[in-house]
Amino acid sequence: MAEARLERHPALVEQDLPDIYAFIARDNPAAAERVLDGVEDAFRQLAQHPESGAPFPTRNPRMQGMRMLPVSGFPDYLIFYRAELESVRILYVAHGARHLLRFFRREPRD
């Protein structure tokens, strides 16, 4: 099977990943780098195996088909994405301690 094309939502690059890095780097810049490296590794995994994440259970029709994958080595960080025919659309990277349904409602992404 060919590798799927990765599509990153603009807010992922402009907001999610910089916020995660800044939060961790306040105490440990090296750990922040390791987390972001883990996220990039997970992105590569999704490009090779788009169905490797679990379906994200929701009744919200806008979010149907969304899947979730914990970052290997950093399972508190979750990647939310949609596997499409020839691409993987990465919508969010968030810490699992967040109130995710409220977060998704406040930050809708397609």
N, C-alpha and C. Protein backbone atom coordinates (compact mmCIF):
# COMPACT_ATOMS: atom_id res chain seq x y z
N MET A 1 0.84 -1.18 0.00
CA MET A 1 0.00 0.00 0.00
C MET A 1 0.89 1.25 0.00
N ALA A 2 0.52 2.21 -0.80
CA ALA A 2 1.28 3.46 -0.88
C ALA A 2 1.06 4.29 0.37
N GLU A 3 2.05 5.09 0.67
CA GLU A 3 1.96 5.97 1.84
C GLU A 3 0.93 7.06 1.56
N ALA A 4 0.07 7.31 2.54
CA ALA A 4 -0.94 8.36 2.40
C ALA A 4 -0.29 9.73 2.53
N ARG A 5 -0.86 10.70 1.85
CA ARG A 5 -0.39 12.08 1.95
C ARG A 5 -0.89 12.66 3.28
N LEU A 6 -0.02 13.34 4.01
CA LEU A 6 -0.41 13.99 5.26
C LEU A 6 -0.87 15.41 4.99
N GLU A 7 -2.02 15.75 5.53
CA GLU A 7 -2.52 17.13 5.47
C GLU A 7 -2.67 17.60 6.90
N ARG A 8 -1.93 18.63 7.26
CA ARG A 8 -2.00 19.18 8.61
C ARG A 8 -2.90 20.41 8.60
N HIS A 9 -3.88 20.44 9.49
CA HIS A 9 -4.73 21.62 9.61
C HIS A 9 -3.84 22.80 9.98
N PRO A 10 -4.07 23.99 9.40
CA PRO A 10 -3.21 25.15 9.71
C PRO A 10 -3.10 25.46 11.21
N ALA A 11 -4.18 25.28 11.96
CA ALA A 11 -4.14 25.57 13.41
C ALA A 11 -3.23 24.60 14.15
N LEU A 12 -3.03 23.43 13.59
CA LEU A 12 -2.12 22.46 14.19
C LEU A 12 -0.71 23.02 14.22
N VAL A 13 -0.30 23.60 13.10
CA VAL A 13 1.06 24.14 12.97
C VAL A 13 1.18 25.49 13.67
N GLU A 14 0.14 26.31 13.59
CA GLU A 14 0.20 27.66 14.14
C GLU A 14 -0.12 27.72 15.63
N GLN A 15 -0.86 26.74 16.14
CA GLN A 15 -1.34 26.84 17.52
C GLN A 15 -1.02 25.60 18.36
N ASP A 16 -1.51 24.44 17.97
CA ASP A 16 -1.40 23.24 18.81
C ASP A 16 0.05 22.91 19.16
N LEU A 17 0.86 22.69 18.14
CA LEU A 17 2.24 22.25 18.39
C LEU A 17 3.08 23.33 19.08
N PRO A 18 2.99 24.61 18.67
CA PRO A 18 3.74 25.63 19.42
C PRO A 18 3.29 25.75 20.88
N ASP A 19 1.98 25.60 21.14
CA ASP A 19 1.50 25.67 22.52
C ASP A 19 2.02 24.51 23.36
N ILE A 20 2.01 23.32 22.78
CA ILE A 20 2.52 22.14 23.49
C ILE A 20 4.01 22.34 23.80
N TYR A 21 4.75 22.77 22.79
CA TYR A 21 6.19 22.99 22.99
C TYR A 21 6.43 24.03 24.09
N ALA A 22 5.75 25.16 24.01
CA ALA A 22 5.96 26.24 24.97
C ALA A 22 5.62 25.79 26.39
N PHE A 23 4.55 25.04 26.55
CA PHE A 23 4.13 24.59 27.88
C PHE A 23 5.20 23.69 28.50
N ILE A 24 5.69 22.73 27.73
CA ILE A 24 6.68 21.78 28.25
C ILE A 24 8.04 22.46 28.42
N ALA A 25 8.41 23.31 27.46
CA ALA A 25 9.74 23.92 27.45
C ALA A 25 9.96 24.88 28.60
N ARG A 26 8.89 25.37 29.22
CA ARG A 26 9.08 26.24 30.39
C ARG A 26 9.89 25.53 31.46
N ASP A 27 9.67 24.22 31.60
CA ASP A 27 10.38 23.45 32.61
C ASP A 27 11.51 22.60 32.04
N ASN A 28 11.34 22.17 30.76
CA ASN A 28 12.32 21.23 30.23
C ASN A 28 12.33 21.29 28.69
N PRO A 29 13.15 22.16 28.11
CA PRO A 29 13.20 22.28 26.65
C PRO A 29 13.53 20.97 25.94
N ALA A 30 14.40 20.16 26.52
CA ALA A 30 14.76 18.89 25.88
C ALA A 30 13.55 17.96 25.82
N ALA A 31 12.75 17.95 26.88
CA ALA A 31 11.54 17.12 26.88
C ALA A 31 10.55 17.62 25.83
N ALA A 32 10.46 18.93 25.67
CA ALA A 32 9.56 19.50 24.66
C ALA A 32 9.98 19.03 23.27
N GLU A 33 11.27 19.00 23.01
CA GLU A 33 11.77 18.50 21.72
C GLU A 33 11.41 17.03 21.53
N ARG A 34 11.56 16.23 22.59
CA ARG A 34 11.24 14.80 22.50
C ARG A 34 9.76 14.57 22.21
N VAL A 35 8.90 15.36 22.84
CA VAL A 35 7.46 15.22 22.58
C VAL A 35 7.16 15.55 21.12
N LEU A 36 7.70 16.66 20.61
CA LEU A 36 7.44 17.01 19.21
C LEU A 36 8.03 15.98 18.25
N ASP A 37 9.18 15.41 18.59
CA ASP A 37 9.73 14.33 17.77
C ASP A 37 8.79 13.13 17.78
N GLY A 38 8.21 12.81 18.95
CA GLY A 38 7.24 11.72 19.04
C GLY A 38 5.99 11.98 18.21
N VAL A 39 5.55 13.23 18.20
CA VAL A 39 4.39 13.60 17.38
C VAL A 39 4.71 13.40 15.90
N GLU A 40 5.89 13.84 15.46
CA GLU A 40 6.28 13.67 14.06
C GLU A 40 6.40 12.18 13.70
N ASP A 41 6.92 11.36 14.63
CA ASP A 41 6.98 9.92 14.39
C ASP A 41 5.57 9.35 14.22
N ALA A 42 4.64 9.81 15.04
CA ALA A 42 3.26 9.34 14.94
C ALA A 42 2.64 9.77 13.61
N PHE A 43 2.96 10.98 13.14
CA PHE A 43 2.47 11.42 11.84
C PHE A 43 2.95 10.48 10.74
N ARG A 44 4.23 10.10 10.80
CA ARG A 44 4.77 9.17 9.80
C ARG A 44 4.07 7.81 9.88
N GLN A 45 3.79 7.36 11.11
CA GLN A 45 3.06 6.09 11.28
C GLN A 45 1.69 6.19 10.62
N LEU A 46 1.00 7.30 10.82
CA LEU A 46 -0.33 7.47 10.23
C LEU A 46 -0.28 7.51 8.71
N ALA A 47 0.78 8.08 8.15
CA ALA A 47 0.92 8.10 6.70
C ALA A 47 1.06 6.68 6.16
N GLN A 48 1.72 5.82 6.92
CA GLN A 48 1.93 4.43 6.49
C GLN A 48 0.75 3.53 6.84
N HIS A 49 0.09 3.82 7.97
CA HIS A 49 -1.00 2.98 8.46
C HIS A 49 -2.14 3.86 8.96
N PRO A 50 -2.92 4.44 8.05
CA PRO A 50 -3.96 5.41 8.45
C PRO A 50 -5.00 4.87 9.42
N GLU A 51 -5.21 3.59 9.43
CA GLU A 51 -6.24 3.04 10.31
C GLU A 51 -5.67 2.61 11.67
N SER A 52 -4.44 2.99 11.98
CA SER A 52 -3.82 2.52 13.22
C SER A 52 -4.42 3.15 14.47
N GLY A 53 -5.07 4.28 14.35
CA GLY A 53 -5.73 4.90 15.50
C GLY A 53 -7.10 4.29 15.73
N ALA A 54 -7.64 4.55 16.89
CA ALA A 54 -8.98 4.04 17.24
C ALA A 54 -10.04 5.05 16.83
N PRO A 55 -11.23 4.57 16.45
CA PRO A 55 -12.32 5.51 16.18
C PRO A 55 -12.62 6.34 17.43
N PHE A 56 -12.87 7.63 17.25
CA PHE A 56 -13.21 8.51 18.37
C PHE A 56 -14.73 8.53 18.49
N PRO A 57 -15.25 8.03 19.62
CA PRO A 57 -16.71 7.94 19.76
C PRO A 57 -17.33 9.33 19.99
N THR A 58 -18.28 9.67 19.15
CA THR A 58 -18.95 10.95 19.29
C THR A 58 -20.32 10.88 18.63
N ARG A 59 -21.22 11.68 19.13
CA ARG A 59 -22.54 11.80 18.49
C ARG A 59 -22.61 13.04 17.62
N ASN A 60 -21.56 13.83 17.65
CA ASN A 60 -21.52 15.05 16.85
C ASN A 60 -21.34 14.67 15.38
N PRO A 61 -22.33 14.97 14.54
CA PRO A 61 -22.24 14.55 13.13
C PRO A 61 -21.05 15.17 12.40
N ARG A 62 -20.61 16.36 12.81
CA ARG A 62 -19.46 17.01 12.18
C ARG A 62 -18.17 16.26 12.45
N MET A 63 -18.15 15.46 13.51
CA MET A 63 -16.92 14.78 13.91
C MET A 63 -16.94 13.29 13.60
N GLN A 64 -17.97 12.82 12.90
CA GLN A 64 -18.04 11.41 12.55
C GLN A 64 -16.82 11.04 11.71
N GLY A 65 -16.30 9.87 11.94
CA GLY A 65 -15.15 9.39 11.19
C GLY A 65 -13.80 9.83 11.74
N MET A 66 -13.82 10.62 12.80
CA MET A 66 -12.54 11.05 13.38
C MET A 66 -11.93 9.88 14.16
N ARG A 67 -10.62 9.77 14.08
CA ARG A 67 -9.88 8.73 14.78
C ARG A 67 -8.88 9.39 15.72
N MET A 68 -8.37 8.59 16.67
CA MET A 68 -7.48 9.11 17.70
C MET A 68 -6.30 8.16 17.85
N LEU A 69 -5.10 8.74 17.95
CA LEU A 69 -3.90 7.94 18.16
C LEU A 69 -3.06 8.59 19.24
N PRO A 70 -2.74 7.86 20.33
CA PRO A 70 -1.82 8.42 21.33
C PRO A 70 -0.41 8.45 20.75
N VAL A 71 0.36 9.42 21.17
CA VAL A 71 1.75 9.55 20.72
C VAL A 71 2.58 8.52 21.48
N SER A 72 3.29 7.68 20.75
CA SER A 72 4.11 6.64 21.36
C SER A 72 5.17 7.27 22.27
N GLY A 73 5.22 6.79 23.50
CA GLY A 73 6.16 7.32 24.48
C GLY A 73 5.59 8.50 25.26
N PHE A 74 4.52 9.09 24.75
CA PHE A 74 3.87 10.25 25.39
C PHE A 74 2.36 10.08 25.26
N PRO A 75 1.80 9.02 25.87
CA PRO A 75 0.40 8.66 25.62
C PRO A 75 -0.63 9.68 26.11
N ASP A 76 -0.20 10.68 26.89
CA ASP A 76 -1.14 11.72 27.29
C ASP A 76 -1.44 12.67 26.13
N TYR A 77 -0.59 12.67 25.11
CA TYR A 77 -0.82 13.51 23.93
C TYR A 77 -1.50 12.68 22.86
N LEU A 78 -2.59 13.21 22.35
CA LEU A 78 -3.44 12.49 21.42
C LEU A 78 -3.51 13.23 20.09
N ILE A 79 -3.46 12.46 19.02
CA ILE A 79 -3.61 13.00 17.68
C ILE A 79 -5.00 12.63 17.19
N PHE A 80 -5.74 13.60 16.72
CA PHE A 80 -7.08 13.40 16.18
C PHE A 80 -7.03 13.68 14.69
N TYR A 81 -7.55 12.74 13.90
CA TYR A 81 -7.39 12.83 12.45
C TYR A 81 -8.53 12.10 11.74
N ARG A 82 -8.59 12.33 10.44
CA ARG A 82 -9.51 11.58 9.57
C ARG A 82 -8.66 10.89 8.50
N ALA A 83 -8.90 9.61 8.33
CA ALA A 83 -8.27 8.87 7.25
C ALA A 83 -9.18 8.99 6.04
N GLU A 84 -8.67 9.59 4.97
CA GLU A 84 -9.43 9.76 3.75
C GLU A 84 -8.88 8.82 2.70
N LEU A 85 -9.43 8.86 1.51
CA LEU A 85 -9.07 7.89 0.48
C LEU A 85 -7.56 7.83 0.22
N GLU A 86 -6.93 8.98 -0.03
CA GLU A 86 -5.50 8.99 -0.33
C GLU A 86 -4.70 9.87 0.62
N SER A 87 -5.34 10.32 1.69
CA SER A 87 -4.64 11.23 2.61
C SER A 87 -5.08 10.98 4.05
N VAL A 88 -4.30 11.54 4.94
CA VAL A 88 -4.64 11.57 6.36
C VAL A 88 -4.69 13.05 6.73
N ARG A 89 -5.85 13.49 7.19
CA ARG A 89 -6.03 14.91 7.56
C ARG A 89 -5.92 15.01 9.07
N ILE A 90 -4.81 15.57 9.55
CA ILE A 90 -4.58 15.70 10.98
C ILE A 90 -5.22 17.01 11.43
N LEU A 91 -6.15 16.88 12.39
CA LEU A 91 -6.95 18.03 12.81
C LEU A 91 -6.48 18.64 14.12
N TYR A 92 -6.10 17.81 15.08
CA TYR A 92 -5.73 18.29 16.41
C TYR A 92 -4.61 17.44 16.98
N VAL A 93 -3.78 18.05 17.81
CA VAL A 93 -2.93 17.34 18.76
C VAL A 93 -3.23 18.01 20.09
N ALA A 94 -3.67 17.21 21.07
CA ALA A 94 -4.09 17.79 22.35
C ALA A 94 -3.70 16.86 23.49
N HIS A 95 -3.58 17.43 24.66
CA HIS A 95 -3.33 16.65 25.87
C HIS A 95 -4.65 16.01 26.29
N GLY A 96 -4.60 14.75 26.65
CA GLY A 96 -5.79 14.01 27.01
C GLY A 96 -6.51 14.50 28.25
N ALA A 97 -5.84 15.32 29.08
CA ALA A 97 -6.47 15.83 30.30
C ALA A 97 -7.45 16.98 29.99
N ARG A 98 -7.39 17.49 28.78
CA ARG A 98 -8.32 18.57 28.40
C ARG A 98 -9.74 18.02 28.33
N HIS A 99 -10.69 18.88 28.52
CA HIS A 99 -12.09 18.51 28.30
C HIS A 99 -12.28 18.52 26.79
N LEU A 100 -12.08 17.36 26.15
CA LEU A 100 -11.96 17.30 24.70
C LEU A 100 -13.23 17.73 23.98
N LEU A 101 -14.39 17.32 24.45
CA LEU A 101 -15.62 17.70 23.75
C LEU A 101 -15.82 19.21 23.77
N ARG A 102 -15.51 19.84 24.88
CA ARG A 102 -15.60 21.30 24.96
C ARG A 102 -14.56 21.94 24.03
N PHE A 103 -13.37 21.38 24.03
CA PHE A 103 -12.30 21.88 23.17
C PHE A 103 -12.71 21.80 21.70
N PHE A 104 -13.25 20.66 21.28
CA PHE A 104 -13.65 20.49 19.88
C PHE A 104 -14.79 21.45 19.51
N ARG A 105 -15.69 21.67 20.44
CA ARG A 105 -16.80 22.59 20.19
C ARG A 105 -16.28 24.02 20.01
N ARG A 106 -15.30 24.40 20.84
CA ARG A 106 -14.76 25.74 20.80
C ARG A 106 -13.83 25.94 19.60
N GLU A 107 -13.20 24.88 19.14
CA GLU A 107 -12.21 24.95 18.05
C GLU A 107 -12.58 23.99 16.90
N PRO A 108 -13.72 24.20 16.26
CA PRO A 108 -14.10 23.25 15.20
C PRO A 108 -13.13 23.31 14.04
N ARG A 109 -12.75 22.13 13.57
CA ARG A 109 -11.82 22.02 12.42
C ARG A 109 -12.32 20.94 11.49
N ASP A 110 -12.24 21.22 10.22
CA ASP A 110 -12.61 20.23 9.20
C ASP A 110 -11.46 19.97 8.27
